[in-house]
C-alpha atoms as a PDB file:
ATOM      1  CA  MET A   1      -9.905 -36.283 -41.640  1.00  0.00           C
ATOM      2  CA  THR A   2     -12.357 -34.581 -43.977  1.00  0.00           C
ATOM      3  CA  ALA A   3     -15.358 -32.779 -42.544  1.00  0.00           C
ATOM      4  CA  ASP A   4     -18.166 -35.187 -41.670  1.00  0.00           C
ATOM      5  CA  VAL A   5     -20.565 -33.577 -44.142  1.00  0.00           C
ATOM      6  CA  VAL A   6     -22.000 -35.245 -47.221  1.00  0.00           C
ATOM      7  CA  ASP A   7     -24.073 -33.351 -49.788  1.00  0.00           C
ATOM      8  CA  GLY A   8     -25.321 -34.284 -53.232  1.00  0.00           C
ATOM      9  CA  ARG A   9     -22.272 -32.838 -54.962  1.00  0.00           C
ATOM     10  CA  THR A  10     -19.640 -34.676 -52.965  1.00  0.00           C
ATOM     11  CA  ALA A  11     -21.423 -37.926 -52.082  1.00  0.00           C
ATOM     12  CA  ALA A  12     -20.436 -39.833 -55.250  1.00  0.00           C
ATOM     13  CA  THR A  13     -16.801 -38.727 -55.043  1.00  0.00           C
ATOM     14  CA  LEU A  14     -16.614 -39.486 -51.339  1.00  0.00           C
ATOM     15  CA  ARG A  15     -18.295 -42.854 -51.818  1.00  0.00           C
ATOM     16  CA  ARG A  16     -15.743 -43.857 -54.433  1.00  0.00           C
ATOM     17  CA  LYS A  17     -12.890 -42.666 -52.214  1.00  0.00           C
ATOM     18  CA  ILE A  18     -14.136 -44.865 -49.373  1.00  0.00           C
ATOM     19  CA  VAL A  19     -14.648 -47.883 -51.642  1.00  0.00           C
ATOM     20  CA  LEU A  20     -11.099 -47.560 -52.991  1.00  0.00           C
ATOM     21  CA  ALA A  21      -9.750 -47.218 -49.454  1.00  0.00           C
ATOM     22  CA  ALA A  22     -11.671 -50.302 -48.367  1.00  0.00           C
ATOM     23  CA  ALA A  23     -10.402 -52.200 -51.413  1.00  0.00           C
ATOM     24  CA  ASP A  24      -6.871 -51.196 -50.436  1.00  0.00           C
ATOM     25  CA  VAL A  25      -7.394 -52.552 -46.912  1.00  0.00           C
ATOM     26  CA  LEU A  26      -8.893 -55.761 -48.314  1.00  0.00           C
ATOM     27  CA  GLU A  27      -6.040 -56.371 -50.762  1.00  0.00           C
ATOM     28  CA  GLN A  28      -3.252 -55.548 -48.310  1.00  0.00           C
ATOM     29  CA  GLU A  29      -4.575 -56.852 -44.996  1.00  0.00           C
ATOM     30  CA  GLY A  30      -7.499 -59.158 -45.779  1.00  0.00           C
ATOM     31  CA  LEU A  31     -11.202 -59.270 -44.955  1.00  0.00           C
ATOM     32  CA  ASP A  32     -10.707 -59.568 -41.189  1.00  0.00           C
ATOM     33  CA  ALA A  33      -8.963 -56.170 -41.143  1.00  0.00           C
ATOM     34  CA  MET A  34     -11.856 -54.380 -42.874  1.00  0.00           C
ATOM     35  CA  SER A  35     -13.378 -52.617 -39.889  1.00  0.00           C
ATOM     36  CA  THR A  36     -15.226 -49.375 -40.508  1.00  0.00           C
ATOM     37  CA  ARG A  37     -12.636 -47.584 -38.371  1.00  0.00           C
ATOM     38  CA  ALA A  38      -9.743 -48.954 -40.441  1.00  0.00           C
ATOM     39  CA  VAL A  39     -11.454 -47.996 -43.685  1.00  0.00           C
ATOM     40  CA  ALA A  40     -12.338 -44.538 -42.380  1.00  0.00           C
ATOM     41  CA  THR A  41      -8.743 -43.954 -41.350  1.00  0.00           C
ATOM     42  CA  ARG A  42      -7.455 -45.094 -44.729  1.00  0.00           C
ATOM     43  CA  ALA A  43      -9.986 -42.871 -46.541  1.00  0.00           C
ATOM     44  CA  GLY A  44      -9.421 -39.880 -44.274  1.00  0.00           C
ATOM     45  CA  VAL A  45     -13.047 -39.568 -43.183  1.00  0.00           C
ATOM     46  CA  PHE A  46     -14.967 -39.980 -39.941  1.00  0.00           C
ATOM     47  CA  PRO A  47     -16.608 -43.404 -39.386  1.00  0.00           C
ATOM     48  CA  PRO A  48     -20.157 -41.951 -39.335  1.00  0.00           C
ATOM     49  CA  THR A  49     -19.644 -40.886 -42.951  1.00  0.00           C
ATOM     50  CA  ILE A  50     -19.428 -44.531 -43.968  1.00  0.00           C
ATOM     51  CA  PHE A  51     -22.758 -45.289 -42.315  1.00  0.00           C
ATOM     52  CA  ARG A  52     -24.393 -42.271 -43.957  1.00  0.00           C
ATOM     53  CA  LEU A  53     -23.220 -43.353 -47.403  1.00  0.00           C
ATOM     54  CA  PHE A  54     -23.511 -47.141 -47.158  1.00  0.00           C
ATOM     55  CA  GLY A  55     -26.075 -47.720 -44.403  1.00  0.00           C
ATOM     56  CA  ASP A  56     -23.946 -50.238 -42.499  1.00  0.00           C
ATOM     57  CA  LYS A  57     -20.826 -52.364 -42.863  1.00  0.00           C
ATOM     58  CA  ASP A  58     -22.670 -54.883 -45.016  1.00  0.00           C
ATOM     59  CA  GLY A  59     -23.504 -52.080 -47.440  1.00  0.00           C
ATOM     60  CA  LEU A  60     -19.827 -51.159 -47.620  1.00  0.00           C
ATOM     61  CA  LEU A  61     -18.829 -54.785 -48.219  1.00  0.00           C
ATOM     62  CA  GLU A  62     -21.427 -55.006 -51.020  1.00  0.00           C
ATOM     63  CA  ALA A  63     -19.930 -51.940 -52.694  1.00  0.00           C
ATOM     64  CA  VAL A  64     -16.358 -53.222 -52.387  1.00  0.00           C
ATOM     65  CA  GLY A  65     -17.305 -56.615 -53.788  1.00  0.00           C
ATOM     66  CA  GLU A  66     -19.045 -54.953 -56.714  1.00  0.00           C
ATOM     67  CA  HIS A  67     -15.990 -52.761 -57.324  1.00  0.00           C
ATOM     68  CA  GLY A  68     -13.666 -55.778 -57.429  1.00  0.00           C
ATOM     69  CA  PHE A  69     -15.930 -57.827 -59.687  1.00  0.00           C
ATOM     70  CA  GLU A  70     -16.571 -54.991 -62.142  1.00  0.00           C
ATOM     71  CA  THR A  71     -12.871 -54.076 -62.244  1.00  0.00           C
ATOM     72  CA  TYR A  72     -11.998 -57.672 -63.050  1.00  0.00           C
ATOM     73  CA  LEU A  73     -14.626 -57.942 -65.793  1.00  0.00           C
ATOM     74  CA  GLN A  74     -13.457 -54.684 -67.353  1.00  0.00           C
ATOM     75  CA  ALA A  75      -9.900 -55.994 -67.420  1.00  0.00           C
ATOM     76  CA  LYS A  76     -11.193 -59.086 -69.208  1.00  0.00           C
ATOM     77  CA  SER A  77     -13.348 -56.976 -71.584  1.00  0.00           C
ATOM     78  CA  ARG A  78     -16.403 -58.832 -70.314  1.00  0.00           C
ATOM     79  CA  ILE A  79     -17.730 -61.969 -72.011  1.00  0.00           C
ATOM     80  CA  PRO A  80     -18.151 -61.631 -75.786  1.00  0.00           C
ATOM     81  CA  GLN A  81     -21.301 -63.056 -77.360  1.00  0.00           C
ATOM     82  CA  SER A  82     -20.730 -65.416 -80.268  1.00  0.00           C
ATOM     83  CA  ASP A  83     -23.043 -67.540 -82.382  1.00  0.00           C
ATOM     84  CA  ASP A  84     -22.370 -70.508 -80.078  1.00  0.00           C
ATOM     85  CA  PRO A  85     -24.152 -70.008 -76.729  1.00  0.00           C
ATOM     86  CA  VAL A  86     -22.581 -73.150 -75.239  1.00  0.00           C
ATOM     87  CA  ALA A  87     -19.081 -71.898 -76.053  1.00  0.00           C
ATOM     88  CA  ASP A  88     -19.979 -68.561 -74.451  1.00  0.00           C
ATOM     89  CA  LEU A  89     -21.228 -70.414 -71.373  1.00  0.00           C
ATOM     90  CA  ARG A  90     -17.976 -72.378 -71.194  1.00  0.00           C
ATOM     91  CA  LEU A  91     -16.029 -69.109 -71.326  1.00  0.00           C
ATOM     92  CA  ALA A  92     -18.187 -67.753 -68.510  1.00  0.00           C
ATOM     93  CA  TRP A  93     -17.314 -70.794 -66.377  1.00  0.00           C
ATOM     94  CA  ASP A  94     -13.590 -70.351 -67.014  1.00  0.00           C
ATOM     95  CA  LEU A  95     -13.800 -66.636 -66.210  1.00  0.00           C
ATOM     96  CA  HIS A  96     -15.676 -67.357 -62.966  1.00  0.00           C
ATOM     97  CA  ILE A  97     -13.031 -69.852 -61.849  1.00  0.00           C
ATOM     98  CA  GLU A  98     -10.187 -67.513 -62.802  1.00  0.00           C
ATOM     99  CA  PHE A  99     -11.766 -64.645 -60.864  1.00  0.00           C
ATOM    100  CA  GLY A 100     -12.186 -66.847 -57.804  1.00  0.00           C
ATOM    101  CA  LEU A 101      -8.610 -68.143 -57.833  1.00  0.00           C
ATOM    102  CA  THR A 102      -6.858 -64.875 -58.672  1.00  0.00           C
ATOM    103  CA  GLN A 103      -9.048 -62.555 -56.563  1.00  0.00           C
ATOM    104  CA  PRO A 104     -10.030 -64.714 -53.567  1.00  0.00           C
ATOM    105  CA  ALA A 105     -10.735 -61.808 -51.209  1.00  0.00           C
ATOM    106  CA  TYR A 106     -13.170 -60.178 -53.628  1.00  0.00           C
ATOM    107  CA  TYR A 107     -14.661 -63.563 -54.478  1.00  0.00           C
ATOM    108  CA  VAL A 108     -15.555 -64.146 -50.847  1.00  0.00           C
ATOM    109  CA  LEU A 109     -17.369 -60.799 -50.757  1.00  0.00           C
ATOM    110  CA  VAL A 110     -19.362 -61.597 -53.904  1.00  0.00           C
ATOM    111  CA  PHE A 111     -20.104 -65.311 -53.518  1.00  0.00           C
ATOM    112  CA  GLY A 112     -18.726 -66.573 -50.224  1.00  0.00           C
ATOM    113  CA  GLN A 113     -20.694 -64.593 -47.661  1.00  0.00           C
ATOM    114  CA  ALA A 114     -24.179 -65.761 -48.579  1.00  0.00           C
ATOM    115  CA  ARG A 115     -26.504 -65.737 -45.615  1.00  0.00           C
ATOM    116  CA  SER A 116     -29.661 -67.824 -45.446  1.00  0.00           C
ATOM    117  CA  GLY A 117     -31.839 -66.665 -48.329  1.00  0.00           C
ATOM    118  CA  HIS A 118     -29.438 -63.894 -49.310  1.00  0.00           C
ATOM    119  CA  LEU A 119     -26.707 -63.478 -51.910  1.00  0.00           C
ATOM    120  CA  SER A 120     -24.729 -60.291 -52.410  1.00  0.00           C
ATOM    121  CA  ARG A 121     -26.062 -57.740 -54.896  1.00  0.00           C
ATOM    122  CA  THR A 122     -23.186 -58.469 -57.274  1.00  0.00           C
ATOM    123  CA  GLY A 123     -23.698 -62.206 -56.833  1.00  0.00           C
ATOM    124  CA  ARG A 124     -27.363 -61.821 -57.785  1.00  0.00           C
ATOM    125  CA  LYS A 125     -26.378 -59.868 -60.896  1.00  0.00           C
ATOM    126  CA  ALA A 126     -23.914 -62.597 -61.856  1.00  0.00           C
ATOM    127  CA  VAL A 127     -26.548 -65.315 -61.423  1.00  0.00           C
ATOM    128  CA  ALA A 128     -29.047 -63.278 -63.469  1.00  0.00           C
ATOM    129  CA  GLU A 129     -26.476 -62.969 -66.260  1.00  0.00           C
ATOM    130  CA  LEU A 130     -25.813 -66.712 -66.051  1.00  0.00           C
ATOM    131  CA  GLN A 131     -29.546 -67.367 -66.404  1.00  0.00           C
ATOM    132  CA  ARG A 132     -29.677 -65.080 -69.442  1.00  0.00           C
ATOM    133  CA  MET A 133     -26.844 -67.046 -71.036  1.00  0.00           C
ATOM    134  CA  MET A 134     -28.569 -70.316 -70.144  1.00  0.00           C
ATOM    135  CA  THR A 135     -31.725 -69.049 -71.878  1.00  0.00           C
ATOM    136  CA  ARG A 136     -29.699 -68.615 -75.077  1.00  0.00           C
ATOM    137  CA  VAL A 137     -28.597 -72.241 -74.792  1.00  0.00           C
ATOM    138  CA  ALA A 138     -32.247 -73.254 -74.418  1.00  0.00           C
ATOM    139  CA  ALA A 139     -33.220 -71.207 -77.477  1.00  0.00           C
ATOM    140  CA  ALA A 140     -30.625 -73.146 -79.468  1.00  0.00           C
ATOM    141  CA  GLY A 141     -32.315 -76.389 -78.402  1.00  0.00           C
ATOM    142  CA  ARG A 142     -29.278 -77.519 -76.429  1.00  0.00           C
ATOM    143  CA  LEU A 143     -30.470 -77.548 -72.806  1.00  0.00           C
ATOM    144  CA  ARG A 144     -31.301 -80.846 -71.115  1.00  0.00           C
ATOM    145  CA  MET A 145     -33.235 -79.346 -68.178  1.00  0.00           C
ATOM    146  CA  SER A 146     -35.032 -76.165 -67.153  1.00  0.00           C
ATOM    147  CA  VAL A 147     -33.174 -72.875 -67.349  1.00  0.00           C
ATOM    148  CA  GLU A 148     -33.543 -72.412 -63.587  1.00  0.00           C
ATOM    149  CA  ARG A 149     -32.180 -75.838 -62.681  1.00  0.00           C
ATOM    150  CA  ALA A 150     -29.289 -75.613 -65.143  1.00  0.00           C
ATOM    151  CA  THR A 151     -28.402 -72.179 -63.761  1.00  0.00           C
ATOM    152  CA  ALA A 152     -28.493 -73.477 -60.192  1.00  0.00           C
ATOM    153  CA  VAL A 153     -26.364 -76.518 -61.063  1.00  0.00           C
ATOM    154  CA  MET A 154     -23.677 -74.501 -62.830  1.00  0.00           C
ATOM    155  CA  HIS A 155     -23.608 -71.800 -60.155  1.00  0.00           C
ATOM    156  CA  ALA A 156     -23.352 -74.336 -57.320  1.00  0.00           C
ATOM    157  CA  ALA A 157     -20.613 -76.280 -59.088  1.00  0.00           C
ATOM    158  CA  GLY A 158     -18.577 -73.159 -59.857  1.00  0.00           C
ATOM    159  CA  VAL A 159     -18.779 -71.788 -56.324  1.00  0.00           C
ATOM    160  CA  GLY A 160     -17.980 -75.227 -54.935  1.00  0.00           C
ATOM    161  CA  VAL A 161     -14.883 -75.618 -57.106  1.00  0.00           C
ATOM    162  CA  VAL A 162     -13.516 -72.193 -56.190  1.00  0.00           C
ATOM    163  CA  SER A 163     -14.235 -72.622 -52.480  1.00  0.00           C
ATOM    164  CA  THR A 164     -12.594 -76.051 -52.428  1.00  0.00           C
ATOM    165  CA  MET A 165      -9.518 -74.966 -54.353  1.00  0.00           C
ATOM    166  CA  ASN A 166      -9.045 -71.778 -52.328  1.00  0.00           C
ATOM    167  CA  SER A 167      -9.184 -73.800 -49.109  1.00  0.00           C
ATOM    168  CA  THR A 168      -6.416 -76.068 -50.430  1.00  0.00           C
ATOM    169  CA  PRO A 169      -2.742 -75.032 -50.066  1.00  0.00           C
ATOM    170  CA  PRO A 170      -1.516 -73.673 -53.439  1.00  0.00           C
ATOM    171  CA  GLU A 171       1.134 -76.357 -53.768  1.00  0.00           C
ATOM    172  CA  ALA A 172      -1.504 -79.077 -53.316  1.00  0.00           C
ATOM    173  CA  ARG A 173      -4.080 -77.725 -55.761  1.00  0.00           C
ATOM    174  CA  ASP A 174      -5.013 -79.752 -58.803  1.00  0.00           C
ATOM    175  CA  LEU A 175      -5.958 -77.161 -61.413  1.00  0.00           C
ATOM    176  CA  ASP A 176      -7.532 -79.878 -63.553  1.00  0.00           C
ATOM    177  CA  THR A 177     -10.266 -80.168 -60.909  1.00  0.00           C
ATOM    178  CA  ALA A 178     -11.990 -77.142 -62.425  1.00  0.00           C
ATOM    179  CA  VAL A 179     -11.699 -78.536 -65.954  1.00  0.00           C
ATOM    180  CA  VAL A 180     -13.015 -81.985 -65.019  1.00  0.00           C
ATOM    181  CA  THR A 181     -15.919 -80.474 -63.061  1.00  0.00           C
ATOM    182  CA  ARG A 182     -16.749 -78.125 -65.923  1.00  0.00           C
ATOM    183  CA  ASP A 183     -16.874 -80.987 -68.410  1.00  0.00           C
ATOM    184  CA  LEU A 184     -19.090 -83.057 -66.118  1.00  0.00           C
ATOM    185  CA  VAL A 185     -21.474 -80.126 -65.591  1.00  0.00           C
ATOM    186  CA  PHE A 186     -21.690 -79.294 -69.277  1.00  0.00           C
ATOM    187  CA  ASP A 187     -22.288 -82.924 -70.192  1.00  0.00           C
ATOM    188  CA  ALA A 188     -25.146 -82.982 -67.695  1.00  0.00           C
ATOM    189  CA  ILE A 189     -26.872 -79.754 -68.680  1.00  0.00           C
ATOM    190  CA  THR A 190     -26.190 -79.325 -72.413  1.00  0.00           C
ATOM    191  CA  ALA A 191     -26.851 -81.409 -75.519  1.00  0.00           C
ATOM    192  CA  PRO A 192     -24.664 -81.583 -78.650  1.00  0.00           C
ATOM    193  CA  PRO A 193     -25.593 -79.571 -81.754  1.00  0.00           C
ATOM    194  CA  ALA A 194     -28.406 -80.948 -83.892  1.00  0.00           C
ATOM    195  CA  ASP A 195     -25.975 -82.149 -86.581  1.00  0.00           C
ATOM    196  CA  SER A 196     -23.998 -84.285 -84.098  1.00  0.00           C
ATOM    197  CA  PRO A 197     -24.568 -88.054 -83.887  1.00  0.00           C
ATOM    198  CA  PRO A 198     -27.394 -88.640 -81.368  1.00  0.00           C
ATOM    199  CA  THR A 199     -26.845 -90.392 -78.035  1.00  0.00           C
ATOM    200  CA  THR A 200     -29.279 -91.884 -75.530  1.00  0.00           C
ATOM    201  CA  LYS A 201     -29.312 -88.552 -73.658  1.00  0.00           C
ATOM    202  CA  ASP A 202     -29.868 -86.200 -76.580  1.00  0.00           C
ATOM    203  CA  ALA A 203     -33.450 -86.735 -77.676  1.00  0.00           C
ATOM    204  CA  GLY A 204     -36.389 -86.245 -75.371  1.00  0.00           C
ATOM    205  CA  PRO A 205     -38.796 -83.669 -73.978  1.00  0.00           C
ATOM    206  CA  ALA A 206     -36.248 -81.624 -72.000  1.00  0.00           C
ATOM    207  CA  THR A 207     -34.499 -79.855 -74.875  1.00  0.00           C
ATOM    208  CA  ALA A 208     -37.803 -79.464 -76.755  1.00  0.00           C
ATOM    209  CA  ALA A 209     -39.550 -78.003 -73.701  1.00  0.00           C
ATOM    210  CA  MET A 210     -36.800 -75.464 -73.032  1.00  0.00           C
ATOM    211  CA  GLY A 211     -36.514 -74.626 -76.713  1.00  0.00           C
ATOM    212  CA  LEU A 212     -40.254 -73.922 -76.831  1.00  0.00           C
ATOM    213  CA  ARG A 213     -40.047 -71.819 -73.675  1.00  0.00           C
ATOM    214  CA  ALA A 214     -37.235 -69.719 -75.162  1.00  0.00           C
ATOM    215  CA  VAL A 215     -39.110 -69.257 -78.454  1.00  0.00           C
ATOM    216  CA  LEU A 216     -42.269 -68.171 -76.614  1.00  0.00           C
ATOM    217  CA  ALA A 217     -40.270 -65.704 -74.514  1.00  0.00           C
ATOM    218  CA  GLU A 218     -38.803 -64.143 -77.657  1.00  0.00           C
ATOM    219  CA  ALA A 219     -42.253 -63.972 -79.235  1.00  0.00           C
ATOM    220  CA  GLY A 220     -43.294 -61.370 -76.683  1.00  0.00           C
ATOM    221  CA  GLU A 221     -46.969 -60.994 -75.822  1.00  0.00           C
ATOM    222  CA  LEU A 222     -48.993 -64.204 -75.931  1.00  0.00           C
ATOM    223  CA  PRO A 223     -52.805 -64.658 -75.919  1.00  0.00           C
ATOM    224  CA  LEU A 224     -52.634 -66.116 -72.409  1.00  0.00           C
ATOM    225  CA  SER A 225     -53.676 -64.851 -69.009  1.00  0.00           C
ATOM    226  CA  PRO A 226     -50.974 -64.370 -66.331  1.00  0.00           C
ATOM    227  CA  GLY A 227     -52.154 -67.567 -64.663  1.00  0.00           C
ATOM    228  CA  GLU A 228     -51.982 -69.504 -67.925  1.00  0.00           C
ATOM    229  CA  LYS A 229     -48.460 -68.225 -68.551  1.00  0.00           C
ATOM    230  CA  LEU A 230     -47.328 -69.386 -65.117  1.00  0.00           C
ATOM    231  CA  LEU A 231     -48.979 -72.761 -65.661  1.00  0.00           C
ATOM    232  CA  LEU A 232     -47.340 -73.152 -69.075  1.00  0.00           C
ATOM    233  CA  GLN A 233     -43.911 -72.317 -67.649  1.00  0.00           C
ATOM    234  CA  GLU A 234     -44.448 -74.761 -64.779  1.00  0.00           C
ATOM    235  CA  LEU A 235     -45.416 -77.535 -67.190  1.00  0.00           C
ATOM    236  CA  LEU A 236     -42.446 -76.894 -69.483  1.00  0.00           C
ATOM    237  CA  ASN A 237     -40.081 -76.835 -66.513  1.00  0.00           C
ATOM    238  CA  ARG A 238     -41.543 -80.074 -65.191  1.00  0.00           C
ATOM    239  CA  LEU A 239     -40.993 -81.753 -68.549  1.00  0.00           C
ATOM    240  CA  ALA A 240     -37.439 -80.437 -68.676  1.00  0.00           C
ATOM    241  CA  ASP A 241     -36.566 -81.555 -65.149  1.00  0.00           C
ATOM    242  CA  VAL A 242     -37.826 -85.134 -65.367  1.00  0.00           C
ATOM    243  CA  PRO A 243     -34.889 -87.349 -64.250  1.00  0.00           C
ATOM    244  CA  GLN A 244     -33.080 -88.879 -67.195  1.00  0.00           C
ATOM    245  CA  ALA A 245     -33.404 -92.645 -67.511  1.00  0.00           C
ATOM    246  CA  ALA A 246     -30.111 -94.506 -67.399  1.00  0.00           C
ATOM    247  CA  GLY A 247     -28.906 -95.246 -70.904  1.00  0.00           C
END
């Protein structure tokens, strides 16, 4: 065991050592084996050191989940940004599903341990990035509903697919489930490009409202009070989230 002393010079190194030890326990023995004592033993430190550096076990689990998610994204070189925001969004979906199915233990830490009103720090970052990508779709005039609702729909569908598939025995999994769900979600939240033949779902206030909201956001400062800005956003979101009439 190392001395139970943490100063500014060694804290970062020691923190990383503990995270890697915890990741090793997670990958080899699973989430149930990740006690602070087991991690401390694997890292060669005293258990109180973990609490000093991470606050509590939840803090340690947050750090391990973040480590796994960031390591996976680095291996995949993150999500490139092209001129087609819908294609980028589709790639994000596929990457999310792949991460969940190939790294189930880390996925549970990031997305599967949400408590009432709380998502992991890494999960919140992922949702914020999804909302940023959804805003690009809106700016292209291709979003059928508000950015917030579209983000919530895609996030819920992705987490649901991964959770369902991971709870199914590997030999019984239908990998097309993710593809079919993705296509259904994208058909619901996105509209075709402007040069595509129109359908009964394409035209309407939703795409225009979200396109205007994205343009105004890019414009920067507006001659509106904070209250007027909130009201404008509420009105645009309400227009975007009006239920579509059956075609």
